[in-house]
Amino acid sequence: MAVYEKDLLEANKEIVISSPGINKAMVKWTLEIVQNRQLNGVNVKILTLPYETYPENRIEVIRELIMELKQSGIDVRLKSGMHEHFAVIDRCIVWYGSINLLSKARDEDSLMRVQSPEIADELLEISYKE
């Protein structure tokens, strides 16, 4: 996660995070990192599941987290049925795997980092399709 954090801190133009799951601790951690980048003109986008898809006992917490992200100036897109786990930084650096980057990782989760504008573009195109 240290290298991922460094990549976020060094973003110059855009950060896109696709994380079906979110939780309070990781949203707070991410906000602390990206807010400074936003002040420097970096556009931050997050794709996640709608809060209505969560178990009933978590709906309100998730709704509040999504509102917090939006109020922080992040472009949040809610996408039903999504399963993509990745981050794309400056349309070049790609973090891809099974980890929800805005939620708790499990022991069996994996994550890899590649530098590829082509892979970045393909992931973004697939993820933003209606």
Foldseek 3Di string as FASTA:
>chain_A
DVVVLVLLQPFAAEKEWEFQDADDVLLVVSLVRNLVNVVNHHAYEYEYAQLVPDPPVCSVVVVVSVVVCVVSVHHYDHDPPDQFGWMAGPLFKIKGWRDRSRDDDDPPTDIDIDGHSVVSVVVVVVVPDD
